[in-house]
C-alpha atoms as a PDB file:
ATOM      1  CA  ASN A   1      47.418 126.169 158.543  1.00  0.00           C
ATOM      2  CA  LEU A   2      50.547 125.640 156.471  1.00  0.00           C
ATOM      3  CA  SER A   3      51.318 129.373 156.189  1.00  0.00           C
ATOM      4  CA  GLN A   4      51.123 129.907 159.938  1.00  0.00           C
ATOM      5  CA  ASN A   5      53.351 126.901 160.573  1.00  0.00           C
ATOM      6  CA  ALA A   6      55.921 128.240 158.101  1.00  0.00           C
ATOM      7  CA  ILE A   7      55.946 131.623 159.830  1.00  0.00           C
ATOM      8  CA  LEU A   8      56.247 130.100 163.301  1.00  0.00           C
ATOM      9  CA  GLU A   9      59.069 127.839 162.149  1.00  0.00           C
ATOM     10  CA  ALA A  10      60.862 130.784 160.539  1.00  0.00           C
ATOM     11  CA  VAL A  11      60.568 132.848 163.733  1.00  0.00           C
ATOM     12  CA  ALA A  12      61.921 129.919 165.761  1.00  0.00           C
ATOM     13  CA  ASN A  13      64.802 129.500 163.292  1.00  0.00           C
ATOM     14  CA  ARG A  14      65.524 133.219 163.453  1.00  0.00           C
ATOM     15  CA  ASN A  15      65.695 133.136 167.249  1.00  0.00           C
ATOM     16  CA  SER A  16      67.730 129.910 167.430  1.00  0.00           C
ATOM     17  CA  MET A  17      70.251 131.373 164.987  1.00  0.00           C
ATOM     18  CA  GLY A  18      70.625 134.438 167.209  1.00  0.00           C
ATOM     19  CA  MET A  19      69.172 136.699 164.531  1.00  0.00           C
ATOM     20  CA  ASP A  20      66.739 138.230 166.985  1.00  0.00           C
ATOM     21  CA  GLN A  21      69.642 140.374 168.191  1.00  0.00           C
ATOM     22  CA  VAL A  22      71.162 141.181 164.800  1.00  0.00           C
ATOM     23  CA  ASP A  23      69.915 144.030 162.667  1.00  0.00           C
ATOM     24  CA  GLY A  24      70.478 145.654 159.318  1.00  0.00           C
ATOM     25  CA  GLU A  25      71.766 144.123 156.152  1.00  0.00           C
ATOM     26  CA  VAL A  26      72.389 140.658 157.593  1.00  0.00           C
ATOM     27  CA  ILE A  27      68.727 140.200 158.419  1.00  0.00           C
ATOM     28  CA  LEU A  28      67.665 141.547 155.031  1.00  0.00           C
ATOM     29  CA  LYS A  29      69.808 138.957 153.277  1.00  0.00           C
ATOM     30  CA  ARG A  30      69.506 135.915 155.556  1.00  0.00           C
ATOM     31  CA  ASP A  31      66.314 136.157 157.604  1.00  0.00           C
ATOM     32  CA  PRO A  32      64.388 132.855 157.348  1.00  0.00           C
ATOM     33  CA  LEU A  33      61.145 134.691 158.117  1.00  0.00           C
ATOM     34  CA  ARG A  34      61.613 136.810 155.009  1.00  0.00           C
ATOM     35  CA  PHE A  35      62.013 133.680 152.902  1.00  0.00           C
ATOM     36  CA  ALA A  36      58.894 132.112 154.406  1.00  0.00           C
ATOM     37  CA  LEU A  37      56.811 135.235 153.866  1.00  0.00           C
ATOM     38  CA  SER A  38      58.067 135.617 150.294  1.00  0.00           C
ATOM     39  CA  ALA A  39      57.249 131.987 149.558  1.00  0.00           C
ATOM     40  CA  ILE A  40      53.723 132.543 150.864  1.00  0.00           C
ATOM     41  CA  ARG A  41      53.256 135.704 148.779  1.00  0.00           C
ATOM     42  CA  ILE A  42      54.632 134.097 145.626  1.00  0.00           C
ATOM     43  CA  THR A  43      52.468 130.999 146.087  1.00  0.00           C
ATOM     44  CA  ARG A  44      49.390 133.161 146.629  1.00  0.00           C
ATOM     45  CA  ASN A  45      50.098 135.145 143.450  1.00  0.00           C
ATOM     46  CA  LEU A  46      50.675 131.973 141.437  1.00  0.00           C
ATOM     47  CA  GLU A  47      47.357 130.605 142.679  1.00  0.00           C
ATOM     48  CA  ARG A  48      45.528 133.819 141.812  1.00  0.00           C
ATOM     49  CA  MET A  49      47.160 133.834 138.396  1.00  0.00           C
ATOM     50  CA  GLY A  50      45.854 130.318 137.805  1.00  0.00           C
ATOM     51  CA  ASP A  51      42.386 131.396 138.946  1.00  0.00           C
ATOM     52  CA  GLN A  52      42.356 134.124 136.298  1.00  0.00           C
ATOM     53  CA  ILE A  53      43.278 131.626 133.583  1.00  0.00           C
ATOM     54  CA  VAL A  54      40.417 129.387 134.736  1.00  0.00           C
ATOM     55  CA  ASN A  55      38.105 132.408 134.541  1.00  0.00           C
ATOM     56  CA  CYS A  56      39.211 132.958 130.932  1.00  0.00           C
ATOM     57  CA  ALA A  57      38.435 129.341 130.113  1.00  0.00           C
ATOM     58  CA  LYS A  58      34.966 129.687 131.662  1.00  0.00           C
ATOM     59  CA  CYS A  59      34.229 132.653 129.391  1.00  0.00           C
ATOM     60  CA  PHE A  60      35.194 130.623 126.335  1.00  0.00           C
ATOM     61  CA  ARG A  61      33.210 127.582 127.508  1.00  0.00           C
ATOM     62  CA  ARG A  62      30.034 129.640 127.605  1.00  0.00           C
ATOM     63  CA  GLY A  63      30.294 129.693 123.801  1.00  0.00           C
ATOM     64  CA  LEU A  64      29.114 133.281 123.333  1.00  0.00           C
ATOM     65  CA  ILE A  65      32.320 134.702 121.898  1.00  0.00           C
ATOM     66  CA  PRO A  66      32.248 134.383 118.097  1.00  0.00           C
ATOM     67  CA  GLN A  67      34.510 131.720 116.596  1.00  0.00           C
ATOM     68  CA  ARG A  68      38.045 133.003 115.944  1.00  0.00           C
ATOM     69  CA  PHE A  69      37.133 136.438 117.353  1.00  0.00           C
ATOM     70  CA  PHE A  70      40.048 136.416 119.769  1.00  0.00           C
ATOM     71  CA  CYS A  71      42.458 135.219 117.083  1.00  0.00           C
ATOM     72  CA  ASP A  72      41.264 137.619 114.385  1.00  0.00           C
ATOM     73  CA  GLU A  73      41.327 140.779 116.496  1.00  0.00           C
ATOM     74  CA  GLU A  74      44.889 142.094 116.456  1.00  0.00           C
ATOM     75  CA  ILE A  75      44.581 143.969 119.753  1.00  0.00           C
ATOM     76  CA  LEU A  76      43.383 140.851 121.599  1.00  0.00           C
ATOM     77  CA  ASN A  77      46.066 138.748 119.966  1.00  0.00           C
ATOM     78  CA  LYS A  78      48.743 141.229 121.045  1.00  0.00           C
ATOM     79  CA  LEU A  79      47.287 141.409 124.570  1.00  0.00           C
ATOM     80  CA  LEU A  80      47.406 137.632 124.910  1.00  0.00           C
ATOM     81  CA  SER A  81      50.971 137.577 123.576  1.00  0.00           C
ATOM     82  CA  ARG A  82      52.136 140.189 126.089  1.00  0.00           C
ATOM     83  CA  VAL A  83      50.436 138.379 128.990  1.00  0.00           C
ATOM     84  CA  ILE A  84      52.115 135.120 127.972  1.00  0.00           C
ATOM     85  CA  THR A  85      55.434 136.999 127.849  1.00  0.00           C
ATOM     86  CA  ILE A  86      55.065 138.590 131.287  1.00  0.00           C
ATOM     87  CA  VAL A  87      53.956 135.332 132.922  1.00  0.00           C
ATOM     88  CA  GLY A  88      56.902 133.543 131.308  1.00  0.00           C
ATOM     89  CA  MET A  89      59.275 136.197 132.623  1.00  0.00           C
ATOM     90  CA  ALA A  90      57.882 135.882 136.143  1.00  0.00           C
ATOM     91  CA  VAL A  91      58.062 132.095 136.125  1.00  0.00           C
ATOM     92  CA  GLU A  92      61.574 132.079 134.655  1.00  0.00           C
ATOM     93  CA  SER A  93      62.692 134.588 137.298  1.00  0.00           C
ATOM     94  CA  LEU A  94      61.133 132.412 139.972  1.00  0.00           C
ATOM     95  CA  VAL A  95      62.854 129.267 138.710  1.00  0.00           C
ATOM     96  CA  GLU A  96      66.209 131.051 138.406  1.00  0.00           C
ATOM     97  CA  GLU A  97      65.669 132.891 141.718  1.00  0.00           C
ATOM     98  CA  LYS A  98      66.652 136.183 140.116  1.00  0.00           C
ATOM     99  CA  ASN A  99      65.168 139.623 139.703  1.00  0.00           C
ATOM    100  CA  ARG A 100      66.817 140.437 136.386  1.00  0.00           C
ATOM    101  CA  PHE A 101      63.545 140.749 134.466  1.00  0.00           C
ATOM    102  CA  TYR A 102      62.032 143.368 136.749  1.00  0.00           C
ATOM    103  CA  GLY A 103      62.644 146.391 134.500  1.00  0.00           C
ATOM    104  CA  SER A 104      61.265 144.515 131.511  1.00  0.00           C
ATOM    105  CA  VAL A 105      58.277 143.266 133.499  1.00  0.00           C
ATOM    106  CA  HIS A 106      57.466 146.853 134.437  1.00  0.00           C
ATOM    107  CA  SER A 107      57.430 148.022 130.793  1.00  0.00           C
ATOM    108  CA  VAL A 108      55.390 145.009 129.639  1.00  0.00           C
ATOM    109  CA  GLU A 109      52.875 145.707 132.423  1.00  0.00           C
ATOM    110  CA  GLU A 110      52.396 149.254 131.125  1.00  0.00           C
ATOM    111  CA  GLU A 111      51.882 147.902 127.613  1.00  0.00           C
ATOM    112  CA  ILE A 112      49.299 145.393 128.883  1.00  0.00           C
ATOM    113  CA  ASN A 113      47.410 148.111 130.754  1.00  0.00           C
ATOM    114  CA  ASN A 114      47.319 150.283 127.618  1.00  0.00           C
ATOM    115  CA  LEU A 115      46.191 147.365 125.460  1.00  0.00           C
ATOM    116  CA  CYS A 116      43.400 146.523 127.916  1.00  0.00           C
ATOM    117  CA  GLN A 117      42.133 150.084 127.890  1.00  0.00           C
ATOM    118  CA  SER A 118      42.284 150.249 124.083  1.00  0.00           C
ATOM    119  CA  ALA A 119      40.538 146.889 123.735  1.00  0.00           C
ATOM    120  CA  PHE A 120      37.729 147.961 126.056  1.00  0.00           C
ATOM    121  CA  LEU A 121      37.209 151.198 124.117  1.00  0.00           C
ATOM    122  CA  LYS A 122      37.255 149.304 120.828  1.00  0.00           C
ATOM    123  CA  PHE A 123      34.734 146.629 121.801  1.00  0.00           C
ATOM    124  CA  VAL A 124      32.358 148.537 124.093  1.00  0.00           C
ATOM    125  CA  MET A 125      30.418 149.817 121.057  1.00  0.00           C
ATOM    126  CA  ASP A 126      31.283 147.053 118.572  1.00  0.00           C
ATOM    127  CA  PRO A 127      28.078 146.248 116.649  1.00  0.00           C
ATOM    128  CA  ARG A 128      29.222 142.646 116.084  1.00  0.00           C
ATOM    129  CA  LEU A 129      28.864 141.889 119.799  1.00  0.00           C
ATOM    130  CA  ASP A 130      25.611 141.689 121.730  1.00  0.00           C
ATOM    131  CA  LYS A 131      25.697 142.644 125.421  1.00  0.00           C
ATOM    132  CA  ASN A 132      26.388 139.072 126.588  1.00  0.00           C
ATOM    133  CA  GLN A 133      29.202 138.606 124.095  1.00  0.00           C
ATOM    134  CA  PHE A 134      30.730 141.936 125.083  1.00  0.00           C
ATOM    135  CA  ALA A 135      30.448 140.958 128.758  1.00  0.00           C
ATOM    136  CA  ASP A 136      32.493 137.808 128.106  1.00  0.00           C
ATOM    137  CA  VAL A 137      35.064 139.691 126.007  1.00  0.00           C
ATOM    138  CA  TYR A 138      35.331 142.283 128.780  1.00  0.00           C
ATOM    139  CA  ARG A 139      35.764 139.536 131.395  1.00  0.00           C
ATOM    140  CA  LEU A 140      38.577 138.065 129.303  1.00  0.00           C
ATOM    141  CA  ILE A 141      40.277 141.447 129.048  1.00  0.00           C
ATOM    142  CA  LEU A 142      40.046 141.948 132.825  1.00  0.00           C
ATOM    143  CA  CYS A 143      41.292 138.426 133.559  1.00  0.00           C
ATOM    144  CA  LEU A 144      44.285 138.881 131.276  1.00  0.00           C
ATOM    145  CA  GLU A 145      45.089 142.228 132.884  1.00  0.00           C
ATOM    146  CA  ARG A 146      44.901 140.675 136.352  1.00  0.00           C
ATOM    147  CA  THR A 147      47.099 137.792 135.229  1.00  0.00           C
ATOM    148  CA  GLY A 148      49.721 140.340 134.202  1.00  0.00           C
ATOM    149  CA  ASP A 149      49.336 142.126 137.539  1.00  0.00           C
ATOM    150  CA  TYR A 150      49.977 138.901 139.451  1.00  0.00           C
ATOM    151  CA  ALA A 151      53.082 138.255 137.342  1.00  0.00           C
ATOM    152  CA  VAL A 152      54.344 141.726 138.304  1.00  0.00           C
ATOM    153  CA  ASN A 153      53.612 140.957 141.964  1.00  0.00           C
ATOM    154  CA  ILE A 154      55.783 137.848 141.676  1.00  0.00           C
ATOM    155  CA  ALA A 155      58.603 139.868 140.101  1.00  0.00           C
ATOM    156  CA  GLU A 156      58.340 142.483 142.863  1.00  0.00           C
ATOM    157  CA  GLU A 157      58.425 139.800 145.525  1.00  0.00           C
ATOM    158  CA  LEU A 158      61.543 138.295 143.950  1.00  0.00           C
ATOM    159  CA  VAL A 159      63.189 141.720 144.136  1.00  0.00           C
ATOM    160  CA  ARG A 160      62.233 141.938 147.812  1.00  0.00           C
ATOM    161  CA  LEU A 161      63.567 138.427 148.414  1.00  0.00           C
ATOM    162  CA  ASN A 162      66.887 139.096 146.669  1.00  0.00           C
ATOM    163  CA  THR A 163      67.527 142.672 147.836  1.00  0.00           C
ATOM    164  CA  GLY A 164      65.399 143.092 150.955  1.00  0.00           C
ATOM    165  CA  MET A 165      63.837 146.150 149.322  1.00  0.00           C
ATOM    166  CA  ASP A 166      60.086 146.703 148.999  1.00  0.00           C
ATOM    167  CA  ILE A 167      59.663 148.441 145.628  1.00  0.00           C
ATOM    168  CA  ARG A 168      55.884 148.308 145.347  1.00  0.00           C
ATOM    169  CA  HIS A 169      55.361 151.978 146.181  1.00  0.00           C
ATOM    170  CA  VAL A 170      58.584 153.473 144.856  1.00  0.00           C
ATOM    171  CA  SER A 171      58.101 156.093 142.116  1.00  0.00           C
ATOM    172  CA  ASP A 172      60.795 154.544 139.874  1.00  0.00           C
ATOM    173  CA  PRO A 173      61.399 150.950 140.991  1.00  0.00           C
ATOM    174  CA  VAL A 174      63.900 150.197 138.220  1.00  0.00           C
ATOM    175  CA  GLN A 175      66.196 153.021 139.396  1.00  0.00           C
ATOM    176  CA  ALA A 176      65.751 151.984 143.041  1.00  0.00           C
ATOM    177  CA  ILE A 177      66.919 148.456 142.227  1.00  0.00           C
ATOM    178  CA  ALA A 178      69.919 149.767 140.289  1.00  0.00           C
ATOM    179  CA  LYS A 179      71.012 151.773 143.353  1.00  0.00           C
ATOM    180  CA  THR A 180      70.951 148.677 145.597  1.00  0.00           C
ATOM    181  CA  SER A 181      72.768 146.421 143.139  1.00  0.00           C
END
């Protein structure tokens, strides 16, 4: 297993570098195990993000969603636009190895969540959609929301990689990052 090998190699590197006896800030910034674990988490989130996009394509391939429905509905168009934005921010942060987009990612995630809820409420009783069409539209909404969630996970992991701080369960992660910078 590639992940297990990466972890074992990182532990060996940590020990050979004498980091097994060093604590605190040095380990947070330079620990090879942290880099290996972050790489695994980021890769896993990228893979899951791709899976959600494939799931969207499968819904469209079924052919039940009316032609141009996704393009003509403003809320779906905006949802897609915001998901594209958040994924782009996560990928750009990953390429640049920075966490500078985290505050923006957080606000875009909230917007995506609100759009998903509004879209569900709008289409759940839409007379233009039969139950199978609604099911596919709902699947698309869920897949897009999950795609955004995975982009946020990548941004959070980049923060952890760059600062050593786990911000997933902090009440105000943007403020927490500002304090460590």
